[in-house]
Amino acid sequence: MGRFEDGTLAVAMAPPTSIAAWSLQFTMRRRFQLISGSVSGLITKSTASGYGGGVSGITITNSGEGRFNIALFRTDLSGDWDNGAYAFTVERLDSGRQSTIVQGYRHMT
């Protein structure tokens, strides 16, 4: 994905897991958080933002099977981005159930 392109990151839980009523947050960083300190996110998207229909950037496509899309807009990616791999995480934020459910890298050109 280029810095000046819109794109979608499609996520499917394996094995399929219901994510109904979950609060999810996507964060993209230059690298994963360090044990000794935190690394602030360059992009943050959330299902718990009070918006529906993907306005927040995360759209649940099948809650029963744990499928959702994360929209990355060219406006998110413009500015001071260097070419290279950027770490991303998707976390469940529900009280008592916080956990990282997806992590990976996205190559930016």
Protein backbone atom coordinates (compact mmCIF):
# COMPACT_ATOMS: atom_id res chain seq x y z
CA MET A 1 0.00 0.00 0.00
CA GLY A 2 1.31 3.40 -0.89
CA ARG A 3 1.19 6.46 1.31
CA PHE A 4 -1.20 8.23 -1.05
CA GLU A 5 -3.66 5.36 -1.57
CA ASP A 6 -6.81 4.30 0.25
CA GLY A 7 -6.71 0.68 1.39
CA THR A 8 -8.46 -1.90 3.52
CA LEU A 9 -6.92 -4.38 5.92
CA ALA A 10 -9.29 -7.39 6.13
CA VAL A 11 -9.11 -9.39 9.38
CA ALA A 12 -10.62 -12.84 10.04
CA MET A 13 -10.27 -14.50 13.44
CA ALA A 14 -8.92 -18.07 13.33
CA PRO A 15 -10.61 -20.11 14.57
CA PRO A 16 -13.80 -18.13 13.90
CA THR A 17 -14.75 -16.31 17.13
CA SER A 18 -17.77 -14.16 17.87
CA ILE A 19 -16.77 -10.52 18.37
CA ALA A 20 -20.32 -9.26 18.97
CA ALA A 21 -20.28 -6.24 21.33
CA TRP A 22 -16.48 -6.18 21.51
CA SER A 23 -14.62 -2.86 21.64
CA LEU A 24 -11.70 -3.07 19.21
CA GLN A 25 -8.83 -0.69 18.62
CA PHE A 26 -6.37 -0.72 15.72
CA THR A 27 -3.02 1.04 16.16
CA MET A 28 -0.21 1.41 13.64
CA ARG A 29 3.27 2.31 14.89
CA ARG A 30 6.81 2.44 13.63
CA ARG A 31 7.50 -0.66 15.79
CA PHE A 32 5.79 -2.79 18.46
CA GLN A 33 5.69 -1.41 21.99
CA LEU A 34 8.75 -2.04 24.06
CA ILE A 35 8.58 -3.74 27.43
CA SER A 36 10.39 -0.83 29.09
CA GLY A 37 8.26 1.91 27.55
CA SER A 38 5.48 2.70 25.13
CA VAL A 39 5.58 3.78 21.53
CA SER A 40 2.80 6.14 20.53
CA GLY A 41 0.54 5.23 17.64
CA LEU A 42 0.67 6.99 14.30
CA ILE A 43 -2.85 5.83 13.37
CA THR A 44 -5.57 4.74 15.78
CA LYS A 45 -9.03 3.42 14.81
CA SER A 46 -11.70 2.15 17.18
CA THR A 47 -15.12 0.48 17.12
CA ALA A 48 -15.92 2.10 20.47
CA SER A 49 -15.77 5.65 19.13
CA GLY A 50 -19.54 6.20 19.09
CA TYR A 51 -19.77 6.11 15.29
CA GLY A 52 -21.42 3.41 13.21
CA GLY A 53 -21.11 2.23 9.63
CA GLY A 54 -17.32 2.31 9.52
CA VAL A 55 -16.99 6.05 10.22
CA SER A 56 -14.42 5.20 12.90
CA GLY A 57 -12.39 3.22 10.36
CA ILE A 58 -13.33 -0.28 11.59
CA THR A 59 -16.31 -2.06 10.02
CA ILE A 60 -17.54 -5.37 11.44
CA THR A 61 -18.45 -7.51 8.42
CA ASN A 62 -19.41 -10.74 10.26
CA SER A 63 -19.51 -10.50 14.05
CA GLY A 64 -20.35 -14.19 14.50
CA GLU A 65 -17.18 -15.32 12.70
CA GLY A 66 -14.91 -12.49 13.83
CA ARG A 67 -14.47 -10.73 10.49
CA PHE A 68 -13.84 -7.00 10.19
CA ASN A 69 -12.19 -4.46 7.92
CA ILE A 70 -9.91 -1.59 8.87
CA ALA A 71 -9.98 1.35 6.46
CA LEU A 72 -6.70 3.15 5.91
CA PHE A 73 -7.35 6.40 4.10
CA ARG A 74 -4.76 8.38 2.16
CA THR A 75 -5.30 11.21 4.66
CA ASP A 76 -4.21 8.82 7.45
CA LEU A 77 -1.06 7.95 5.56
CA SER A 78 -0.01 11.34 4.21
CA GLY A 79 2.66 13.39 5.90
CA ASP A 80 5.82 12.20 7.59
CA TRP A 81 5.81 8.50 6.65
CA ASP A 82 9.04 6.84 5.59
CA ASN A 83 9.04 3.81 3.30
CA GLY A 84 9.27 0.56 5.23
CA ALA A 85 7.43 -1.85 7.49
CA TYR A 86 5.11 -0.50 10.18
CA ALA A 87 3.82 -2.61 13.07
CA PHE A 88 0.10 -2.80 13.74
CA THR A 89 -1.99 -4.32 16.50
CA VAL A 90 -5.70 -4.87 17.03
CA GLU A 91 -6.66 -5.03 20.68
CA ARG A 92 -9.81 -5.95 22.52
CA LEU A 93 -10.47 -3.21 25.08
CA ASP A 94 -13.42 -4.60 27.06
CA SER A 95 -12.96 -4.37 30.84
CA GLY A 96 -11.49 -7.59 32.20
CA ARG A 97 -10.95 -8.94 28.68
CA GLN A 98 -8.16 -6.72 27.34
CA SER A 99 -5.90 -8.57 24.93
CA THR A 100 -4.02 -8.23 21.66
CA ILE A 101 -5.93 -10.27 19.09
CA VAL A 102 -4.00 -9.43 15.91
CA GLN A 103 -0.54 -8.11 15.22
CA GLY A 104 1.53 -7.81 12.10
CA TYR A 105 3.41 -5.53 9.74
CA ARG A 106 2.21 -3.40 6.85
CA HIS A 107 4.75 -2.36 4.23
CA MET A 108 4.47 1.28 3.16
CA THR A 109 5.91 2.54 -0.12
